[in-house]
C-alpha atoms as a PDB file:
ATOM      1  CA  MET A   1     -14.086  45.085  -3.716  1.00  0.00           C
ATOM      2  CA  SER A   2     -16.071  48.218  -4.582  1.00  0.00           C
ATOM      3  CA  ARG A   3     -19.184  48.791  -2.496  1.00  0.00           C
ATOM      4  CA  LEU A   4     -21.612  48.554  -5.433  1.00  0.00           C
ATOM      5  CA  GLN A   5     -19.779  46.013  -7.562  1.00  0.00           C
ATOM      6  CA  GLY A   6     -22.228  44.356  -9.965  1.00  0.00           C
ATOM      7  CA  LYS A   7     -25.226  46.469  -8.927  1.00  0.00           C
ATOM      8  CA  ARG A   8     -27.646  47.455 -11.693  1.00  0.00           C
ATOM      9  CA  ILE A   9     -29.074  50.913 -11.069  1.00  0.00           C
ATOM     10  CA  LEU A  10     -31.785  53.013 -12.688  1.00  0.00           C
ATOM     11  CA  PHE A  11     -31.128  56.713 -12.094  1.00  0.00           C
ATOM     12  CA  ILE A  12     -33.818  59.182 -13.149  1.00  0.00           C
ATOM     13  CA  GLY A  13     -32.680  62.798 -13.184  1.00  0.00           C
ATOM     14  CA  GLY A  14     -28.964  62.092 -13.133  1.00  0.00           C
ATOM     15  CA  VAL A  15     -27.489  64.693 -15.472  1.00  0.00           C
ATOM     16  CA  THR A  16     -27.013  67.837 -13.355  1.00  0.00           C
ATOM     17  CA  ASN A  17     -26.559  69.021  -9.763  1.00  0.00           C
ATOM     18  CA  ILE A  18     -27.042  66.337  -7.064  1.00  0.00           C
ATOM     19  CA  GLY A  19     -27.949  63.725  -9.662  1.00  0.00           C
ATOM     20  CA  ALA A  20     -24.719  64.125 -11.596  1.00  0.00           C
ATOM     21  CA  ALA A  21     -22.614  63.880  -8.427  1.00  0.00           C
ATOM     22  CA  ALA A  22     -24.544  60.792  -7.319  1.00  0.00           C
ATOM     23  CA  VAL A  23     -24.136  59.012 -10.657  1.00  0.00           C
ATOM     24  CA  ARG A  24     -20.397  59.652 -10.534  1.00  0.00           C
ATOM     25  CA  ALA A  25     -20.158  58.236  -7.003  1.00  0.00           C
ATOM     26  CA  ILE A  26     -22.265  55.193  -7.893  1.00  0.00           C
ATOM     27  CA  VAL A  27     -20.223  54.361 -10.999  1.00  0.00           C
ATOM     28  CA  ASN A  28     -16.973  54.842  -9.079  1.00  0.00           C
ATOM     29  CA  GLU A  29     -18.166  52.185  -6.619  1.00  0.00           C
ATOM     30  CA  GLY A  30     -18.583  49.568  -9.353  1.00  0.00           C
ATOM     31  CA  ALA A  31     -22.225  49.808 -10.412  1.00  0.00           C
ATOM     32  CA  ARG A  32     -23.640  50.089 -13.916  1.00  0.00           C
ATOM     33  CA  VAL A  33     -26.128  52.914 -14.266  1.00  0.00           C
ATOM     34  CA  ALA A  34     -28.944  53.626 -16.718  1.00  0.00           C
ATOM     35  CA  VAL A  35     -29.178  57.407 -16.550  1.00  0.00           C
ATOM     36  CA  ALA A  36     -32.450  59.013 -17.640  1.00  0.00           C
ATOM     37  CA  ASP A  37     -33.208  62.692 -18.105  1.00  0.00           C
ATOM     38  CA  ILE A  38     -35.248  65.003 -20.313  1.00  0.00           C
ATOM     39  CA  ASN A  39     -32.105  66.913 -21.350  1.00  0.00           C
ATOM     40  CA  GLU A  40     -30.830  64.630 -24.093  1.00  0.00           C
ATOM     41  CA  ASP A  41     -27.766  66.542 -25.313  1.00  0.00           C
ATOM     42  CA  ALA A  42     -26.416  67.160 -21.819  1.00  0.00           C
ATOM     43  CA  GLY A  43     -27.350  63.624 -20.829  1.00  0.00           C
ATOM     44  CA  ARG A  44     -25.310  61.951 -23.531  1.00  0.00           C
ATOM     45  CA  GLU A  45     -22.346  64.171 -22.732  1.00  0.00           C
ATOM     46  CA  SER A  46     -22.635  63.556 -18.978  1.00  0.00           C
ATOM     47  CA  ILE A  47     -22.050  59.798 -19.248  1.00  0.00           C
ATOM     48  CA  ARG A  48     -19.151  59.982 -21.683  1.00  0.00           C
ATOM     49  CA  PRO A  49     -16.472  59.639 -18.946  1.00  0.00           C
ATOM     50  CA  TYR A  50     -17.990  56.364 -17.686  1.00  0.00           C
ATOM     51  CA  GLY A  51     -17.600  54.221 -20.791  1.00  0.00           C
ATOM     52  CA  ASP A  52     -19.608  51.007 -20.663  1.00  0.00           C
ATOM     53  CA  ALA A  53     -20.603  51.576 -17.032  1.00  0.00           C
ATOM     54  CA  ALA A  54     -23.367  54.035 -17.952  1.00  0.00           C
ATOM     55  CA  ARG A  55     -25.896  54.491 -20.712  1.00  0.00           C
ATOM     56  CA  PHE A  56     -28.195  57.444 -21.298  1.00  0.00           C
ATOM     57  CA  PHE A  57     -31.927  57.182 -21.932  1.00  0.00           C
ATOM     58  CA  PRO A  58     -34.038  60.244 -22.829  1.00  0.00           C
ATOM     59  CA  LEU A  59     -37.100  60.395 -20.589  1.00  0.00           C
ATOM     60  CA  ASP A  60     -40.099  62.596 -19.881  1.00  0.00           C
ATOM     61  CA  VAL A  61     -41.072  61.567 -16.355  1.00  0.00           C
ATOM     62  CA  ARG A  62     -44.591  62.946 -16.819  1.00  0.00           C
ATOM     63  CA  ASP A  63     -45.433  60.307 -19.454  1.00  0.00           C
ATOM     64  CA  GLU A  64     -46.202  56.827 -18.114  1.00  0.00           C
ATOM     65  CA  GLN A  65     -45.548  55.144 -21.458  1.00  0.00           C
ATOM     66  CA  ASP A  66     -42.165  56.842 -21.604  1.00  0.00           C
ATOM     67  CA  VAL A  67     -41.332  55.722 -18.062  1.00  0.00           C
ATOM     68  CA  ALA A  68     -42.413  52.153 -18.785  1.00  0.00           C
ATOM     69  CA  ALA A  69     -40.342  52.053 -21.980  1.00  0.00           C
ATOM     70  CA  TYR A  70     -37.277  53.441 -20.196  1.00  0.00           C
ATOM     71  CA  VAL A  71     -37.473  50.909 -17.361  1.00  0.00           C
ATOM     72  CA  ALA A  72     -37.933  48.028 -19.801  1.00  0.00           C
ATOM     73  CA  ALA A  73     -35.048  49.101 -22.048  1.00  0.00           C
ATOM     74  CA  ALA A  74     -32.749  49.877 -19.127  1.00  0.00           C
ATOM     75  CA  ALA A  75     -33.516  46.575 -17.405  1.00  0.00           C
ATOM     76  CA  GLU A  76     -32.748  44.714 -20.619  1.00  0.00           C
ATOM     77  CA  TRP A  77     -29.406  46.513 -20.984  1.00  0.00           C
ATOM     78  CA  LEU A  78     -28.510  45.992 -17.332  1.00  0.00           C
ATOM     79  CA  GLY A  79     -29.773  42.425 -17.165  1.00  0.00           C
ATOM     80  CA  GLY A  80     -32.091  43.272 -14.266  1.00  0.00           C
ATOM     81  CA  VAL A  81     -32.618  45.990 -11.679  1.00  0.00           C
ATOM     82  CA  ASP A  82     -31.135  46.200  -8.183  1.00  0.00           C
ATOM     83  CA  GLY A  83     -31.779  49.854  -7.424  1.00  0.00           C
ATOM     84  CA  LEU A  84     -33.865  52.843  -8.451  1.00  0.00           C
ATOM     85  CA  CYS A  85     -32.901  56.457  -7.739  1.00  0.00           C
ATOM     86  CA  GLN A  86     -35.381  59.207  -8.553  1.00  0.00           C
ATOM     87  CA  ASN A  87     -33.974  62.715  -8.600  1.00  0.00           C
ATOM     88  CA  ALA A  88     -36.031  64.572 -11.223  1.00  0.00           C
ATOM     89  CA  GLY A  89     -37.452  67.724  -9.685  1.00  0.00           C
ATOM     90  CA  TYR A  90     -39.289  70.953 -10.423  1.00  0.00           C
ATOM     91  CA  LEU A  91     -39.299  74.017  -8.166  1.00  0.00           C
ATOM     92  CA  ARG A  92     -41.468  77.090  -8.511  1.00  0.00           C
ATOM     93  CA  ALA A  93     -42.044  79.727  -5.845  1.00  0.00           C
ATOM     94  CA  GLY A  94     -44.554  82.521  -5.487  1.00  0.00           C
ATOM     95  CA  PRO A  95     -47.361  83.983  -3.387  1.00  0.00           C
ATOM     96  CA  VAL A  96     -50.163  81.476  -2.994  1.00  0.00           C
ATOM     97  CA  ASP A  97     -52.815  83.948  -4.180  1.00  0.00           C
ATOM     98  CA  GLN A  98     -50.885  84.481  -7.414  1.00  0.00           C
ATOM     99  CA  PHE A  99     -49.714  80.925  -8.014  1.00  0.00           C
ATOM    100  CA  ALA A 100     -50.969  79.467 -11.304  1.00  0.00           C
ATOM    101  CA  VAL A 101     -52.863  76.181 -11.135  1.00  0.00           C
ATOM    102  CA  GLU A 102     -50.838  74.961 -14.112  1.00  0.00           C
ATOM    103  CA  GLU A 103     -47.598  75.498 -12.185  1.00  0.00           C
ATOM    104  CA  TRP A 104     -49.026  73.766  -9.121  1.00  0.00           C
ATOM    105  CA  ASP A 105     -49.963  70.757 -11.246  1.00  0.00           C
ATOM    106  CA  MET A 106     -46.503  70.675 -12.857  1.00  0.00           C
ATOM    107  CA  VAL A 107     -44.809  70.695  -9.434  1.00  0.00           C
ATOM    108  CA  TYR A 108     -46.867  67.669  -8.431  1.00  0.00           C
ATOM    109  CA  ALA A 109     -46.498  65.901 -11.781  1.00  0.00           C
ATOM    110  CA  ILE A 110     -42.692  65.966 -11.689  1.00  0.00           C
ATOM    111  CA  ASN A 111     -42.045  65.692  -7.952  1.00  0.00           C
ATOM    112  CA  VAL A 112     -44.736  63.189  -6.904  1.00  0.00           C
ATOM    113  CA  ARG A 113     -46.580  61.482  -9.750  1.00  0.00           C
ATOM    114  CA  ALA A 114     -43.348  60.766 -11.619  1.00  0.00           C
ATOM    115  CA  GLN A 115     -41.868  58.991  -8.611  1.00  0.00           C
ATOM    116  CA  PHE A 116     -44.959  56.815  -8.348  1.00  0.00           C
ATOM    117  CA  LEU A 117     -44.548  55.896 -12.021  1.00  0.00           C
ATOM    118  CA  GLY A 118     -40.888  55.001 -11.594  1.00  0.00           C
ATOM    119  CA  VAL A 119     -41.639  52.747  -8.636  1.00  0.00           C
ATOM    120  CA  LYS A 120     -44.623  51.168 -10.363  1.00  0.00           C
ATOM    121  CA  HIS A 121     -42.560  50.020 -13.326  1.00  0.00           C
ATOM    122  CA  ALA A 122     -39.271  49.218 -11.557  1.00  0.00           C
ATOM    123  CA  VAL A 123     -40.657  47.150  -8.673  1.00  0.00           C
ATOM    124  CA  PRO A 124     -41.561  44.073 -10.794  1.00  0.00           C
ATOM    125  CA  HIS A 125     -37.911  43.821 -11.850  1.00  0.00           C
ATOM    126  CA  MET A 126     -36.751  44.072  -8.238  1.00  0.00           C
ATOM    127  CA  LYS A 127     -39.218  41.408  -7.181  1.00  0.00           C
ATOM    128  CA  ARG A 128     -37.715  39.114  -9.800  1.00  0.00           C
ATOM    129  CA  ALA A 129     -34.234  39.944  -8.487  1.00  0.00           C
ATOM    130  CA  GLY A 130     -35.356  39.021  -4.972  1.00  0.00           C
ATOM    131  CA  LYS A 131     -34.440  42.359  -3.395  1.00  0.00           C
ATOM    132  CA  GLY A 132     -33.822  45.996  -4.196  1.00  0.00           C
ATOM    133  CA  SER A 133     -33.271  49.524  -2.949  1.00  0.00           C
ATOM    134  CA  ILE A 134     -35.277  52.610  -3.907  1.00  0.00           C
ATOM    135  CA  VAL A 135     -33.932  56.081  -3.137  1.00  0.00           C
ATOM    136  CA  ASN A 136     -36.417  58.891  -3.748  1.00  0.00           C
ATOM    137  CA  MET A 137     -35.647  62.587  -3.577  1.00  0.00           C
ATOM    138  CA  SER A 138     -37.651  64.814  -1.277  1.00  0.00           C
ATOM    139  CA  SER A 139     -36.328  67.957   0.410  1.00  0.00           C
ATOM    140  CA  LEU A 140     -36.039  69.617   3.774  1.00  0.00           C
ATOM    141  CA  ALA A 141     -38.964  71.634   2.399  1.00  0.00           C
ATOM    142  CA  GLY A 142     -41.061  68.492   2.837  1.00  0.00           C
ATOM    143  CA  LYS A 143     -40.326  68.635   6.555  1.00  0.00           C
ATOM    144  CA  HIS A 144     -40.283  72.382   7.039  1.00  0.00           C
ATOM    145  CA  GLY A 145     -41.975  74.672   4.519  1.00  0.00           C
ATOM    146  CA  GLY A 146     -41.246  78.295   3.793  1.00  0.00           C
ATOM    147  CA  PRO A 147     -42.875  81.365   2.248  1.00  0.00           C
ATOM    148  CA  GLY A 148     -43.741  80.997  -1.411  1.00  0.00           C
ATOM    149  CA  ARG A 149     -43.174  77.259  -1.433  1.00  0.00           C
ATOM    150  CA  ALA A 150     -46.625  75.834  -0.673  1.00  0.00           C
ATOM    151  CA  ALA A 151     -46.641  73.759  -3.867  1.00  0.00           C
ATOM    152  CA  TYR A 152     -43.074  72.512  -3.567  1.00  0.00           C
ATOM    153  CA  SER A 153     -43.189  71.854   0.174  1.00  0.00           C
ATOM    154  CA  SER A 154     -46.473  69.971   0.037  1.00  0.00           C
ATOM    155  CA  ALA A 155     -45.277  67.915  -2.930  1.00  0.00           C
ATOM    156  CA  LYS A 156     -42.065  66.989  -1.140  1.00  0.00           C
ATOM    157  CA  ALA A 157     -44.051  66.077   1.992  1.00  0.00           C
ATOM    158  CA  ALA A 158     -46.086  63.764  -0.218  1.00  0.00           C
ATOM    159  CA  VAL A 159     -42.874  62.077  -1.371  1.00  0.00           C
ATOM    160  CA  ILE A 160     -41.954  61.340   2.247  1.00  0.00           C
ATOM    161  CA  GLY A 161     -45.393  59.873   2.945  1.00  0.00           C
ATOM    162  CA  MET A 162     -45.263  57.806  -0.219  1.00  0.00           C
ATOM    163  CA  GLY A 163     -41.841  56.460   0.752  1.00  0.00           C
ATOM    164  CA  ASN A 164     -43.034  55.383   4.176  1.00  0.00           C
ATOM    165  CA  SER A 165     -46.027  53.565   2.699  1.00  0.00           C
ATOM    166  CA  LEU A 166     -43.941  51.895  -0.005  1.00  0.00           C
ATOM    167  CA  ALA A 167     -41.360  50.750   2.539  1.00  0.00           C
ATOM    168  CA  SER A 168     -44.066  48.931   4.469  1.00  0.00           C
ATOM    169  CA  GLU A 169     -45.636  47.438   1.362  1.00  0.00           C
ATOM    170  CA  LEU A 170     -42.393  46.263  -0.213  1.00  0.00           C
ATOM    171  CA  ALA A 171     -40.515  45.042   2.868  1.00  0.00           C
ATOM    172  CA  PRO A 172     -41.805  41.455   2.442  1.00  0.00           C
ATOM    173  CA  PHE A 173     -40.012  41.406  -0.928  1.00  0.00           C
ATOM    174  CA  ASP A 174     -36.752  42.667   0.622  1.00  0.00           C
ATOM    175  CA  ILE A 175     -37.140  45.940  -1.277  1.00  0.00           C
ATOM    176  CA  ARG A 176     -36.092  48.924   0.804  1.00  0.00           C
ATOM    177  CA  VAL A 177     -37.413  52.462   0.263  1.00  0.00           C
ATOM    178  CA  ASN A 178     -35.705  55.543   1.648  1.00  0.00           C
ATOM    179  CA  THR A 179     -36.075  59.250   0.987  1.00  0.00           C
ATOM    180  CA  LEU A 180     -33.452  61.999   0.896  1.00  0.00           C
ATOM    181  CA  CYS A 181     -34.254  65.423   2.346  1.00  0.00           C
ATOM    182  CA  PRO A 182     -31.450  67.862   1.492  1.00  0.00           C
ATOM    183  CA  GLY A 183     -31.529  71.364   2.916  1.00  0.00           C
ATOM    184  CA  TRP A 184     -29.825  74.251   1.173  1.00  0.00           C
ATOM    185  CA  ILE A 185     -27.543  72.661  -1.427  1.00  0.00           C
ATOM    186  CA  ASP A 186     -25.665  75.106  -3.645  1.00  0.00           C
ATOM    187  CA  THR A 187     -27.074  74.357  -7.113  1.00  0.00           C
ATOM    188  CA  PRO A 188     -28.945  76.323  -9.821  1.00  0.00           C
ATOM    189  CA  PHE A 189     -32.038  74.221  -9.081  1.00  0.00           C
ATOM    190  CA  ASN A 190     -32.851  76.526  -6.155  1.00  0.00           C
ATOM    191  CA  ARG A 191     -32.985  79.690  -8.283  1.00  0.00           C
ATOM    192  CA  PRO A 192     -36.791  80.203  -8.058  1.00  0.00           C
ATOM    193  CA  ALA A 193     -36.691  80.010  -4.254  1.00  0.00           C
ATOM    194  CA  ILE A 194     -33.615  82.245  -4.091  1.00  0.00           C
ATOM    195  CA  ASP A 195     -35.272  84.887  -6.240  1.00  0.00           C
ATOM    196  CA  PHE A 196     -38.433  84.807  -4.123  1.00  0.00           C
ATOM    197  CA  ILE A 197     -36.449  85.232  -0.909  1.00  0.00           C
ATOM    198  CA  GLY A 198     -34.623  88.255  -2.321  1.00  0.00           C
ATOM    199  CA  GLY A 199     -31.537  87.031  -4.140  1.00  0.00           C
ATOM    200  CA  ASP A 200     -28.177  85.461  -3.370  1.00  0.00           C
ATOM    201  CA  ASN A 201     -27.190  87.829  -0.571  1.00  0.00           C
ATOM    202  CA  ALA A 202     -30.494  87.333   1.221  1.00  0.00           C
ATOM    203  CA  VAL A 203     -30.118  83.555   1.005  1.00  0.00           C
ATOM    204  CA  GLU A 204     -26.558  83.662   2.303  1.00  0.00           C
ATOM    205  CA  ASP A 205     -27.674  85.788   5.241  1.00  0.00           C
ATOM    206  CA  MET A 206     -30.531  83.388   5.935  1.00  0.00           C
ATOM    207  CA  VAL A 207     -28.239  80.354   5.731  1.00  0.00           C
ATOM    208  CA  LYS A 208     -25.728  81.888   8.134  1.00  0.00           C
ATOM    209  CA  ALA A 209     -28.542  82.652  10.561  1.00  0.00           C
ATOM    210  CA  THR A 210     -30.346  79.308  10.412  1.00  0.00           C
ATOM    211  CA  VAL A 211     -27.783  76.622   9.484  1.00  0.00           C
ATOM    212  CA  PRO A 212     -25.442  75.761  12.382  1.00  0.00           C
ATOM    213  CA  MET A 213     -22.654  74.861   9.952  1.00  0.00           C
ATOM    214  CA  GLY A 214     -23.049  78.337   8.465  1.00  0.00           C
ATOM    215  CA  ARG A 215     -23.027  77.404   4.800  1.00  0.00           C
ATOM    216  CA  GLN A 216     -24.862  75.620   2.015  1.00  0.00           C
ATOM    217  CA  GLY A 217     -23.990  72.041   1.211  1.00  0.00           C
ATOM    218  CA  THR A 218     -22.624  70.687  -2.065  1.00  0.00           C
ATOM    219  CA  PRO A 219     -23.884  67.895  -4.340  1.00  0.00           C
ATOM    220  CA  GLU A 220     -20.757  65.923  -3.453  1.00  0.00           C
ATOM    221  CA  GLU A 221     -21.841  65.926   0.186  1.00  0.00           C
ATOM    222  CA  VAL A 222     -25.147  64.279  -0.743  1.00  0.00           C
ATOM    223  CA  ALA A 223     -23.836  61.741  -3.260  1.00  0.00           C
ATOM    224  CA  PRO A 224     -22.224  59.285  -0.772  1.00  0.00           C
ATOM    225  CA  ILE A 225     -25.598  58.715   0.874  1.00  0.00           C
ATOM    226  CA  TYR A 226     -26.866  57.230  -2.388  1.00  0.00           C
ATOM    227  CA  VAL A 227     -23.962  54.787  -2.348  1.00  0.00           C
ATOM    228  CA  TYR A 228     -24.738  53.746   1.228  1.00  0.00           C
ATOM    229  CA  LEU A 229     -28.454  53.251   0.614  1.00  0.00           C
ATOM    230  CA  LEU A 230     -27.889  51.270  -2.580  1.00  0.00           C
ATOM    231  CA  SER A 231     -25.258  49.069  -0.960  1.00  0.00           C
ATOM    232  CA  ASP A 232     -25.725  45.986   1.199  1.00  0.00           C
ATOM    233  CA  GLU A 233     -24.310  48.022   4.097  1.00  0.00           C
ATOM    234  CA  SER A 234     -27.796  49.486   4.559  1.00  0.00           C
ATOM    235  CA  SER A 235     -29.658  46.168   4.350  1.00  0.00           C
ATOM    236  CA  TYR A 236     -31.671  46.932   7.533  1.00  0.00           C
ATOM    237  CA  VAL A 237     -32.401  50.571   6.676  1.00  0.00           C
ATOM    238  CA  THR A 238     -35.812  51.380   5.208  1.00  0.00           C
ATOM    239  CA  SER A 239     -38.677  53.870   5.586  1.00  0.00           C
ATOM    240  CA  GLN A 240     -36.250  56.665   6.491  1.00  0.00           C
ATOM    241  CA  ALA A 241     -36.328  60.319   5.471  1.00  0.00           C
ATOM    242  CA  LEU A 242     -32.653  61.211   5.757  1.00  0.00           C
ATOM    243  CA  ILE A 243     -31.977  64.894   6.332  1.00  0.00           C
ATOM    244  CA  ILE A 244     -28.780  66.430   4.929  1.00  0.00           C
ATOM    245  CA  ASP A 245     -28.905  70.061   6.010  1.00  0.00           C
ATOM    246  CA  GLY A 246     -25.921  71.150   8.099  1.00  0.00           C
ATOM    247  CA  GLY A 247     -27.927  70.846  11.288  1.00  0.00           C
ATOM    248  CA  SER A 248     -30.732  73.331  10.621  1.00  0.00           C
ATOM    249  CA  TYR A 249     -33.627  70.936  11.274  1.00  0.00           C
ATOM    250  CA  SER A 250     -34.214  69.217  14.591  1.00  0.00           C
END
């Protein structure tokens, strides 16, 4: 039997990059997935290969009413909620003395506040189900910051702290909470950081110098970890910040 057979999963930010690879892996293991994203056209196209196993829901993660409506509609379609994955993200980089307050607030709104909102509205459904698994997206930047990334790194550190607190709070309900911390994964999402560092060649030189495996990772190398954390195989795994970085952090 498939590892996620019958699982009912909410996936926020599942249309591109790591999210798209994770949704594909989750569906291939037998789950049904309610994919939410702000990019409606790409979102509807992204789920087309999955037939009845996936449905798309447009969502602005900054709006609590929108999040609440998505969770309610998705839970009704799925018949309940067994797992929540939160992958929506926003990265901006720049010198701290030139960084706009509005950009700082947006980084926190999408990377931290939105994850709180998703948990807030999904947890009641998991409590009714009697158990659940939450997989939130942080970053290696939340463990180890870098120049120009004060907003992003501090926001991702907040996600790790939130996950640890939620894991403790929700453990009595058999709801597990874990956080993913990818390092350099080769996706367009990292463009602002790449540009700040000095462009593609500068990043490749930096990766070769600092990552023992000598290369960036791929979304497909992150996706299987979602499957593990959503599955019953990880039933005793919670409050972890799992690093996927080719060995650069220790």
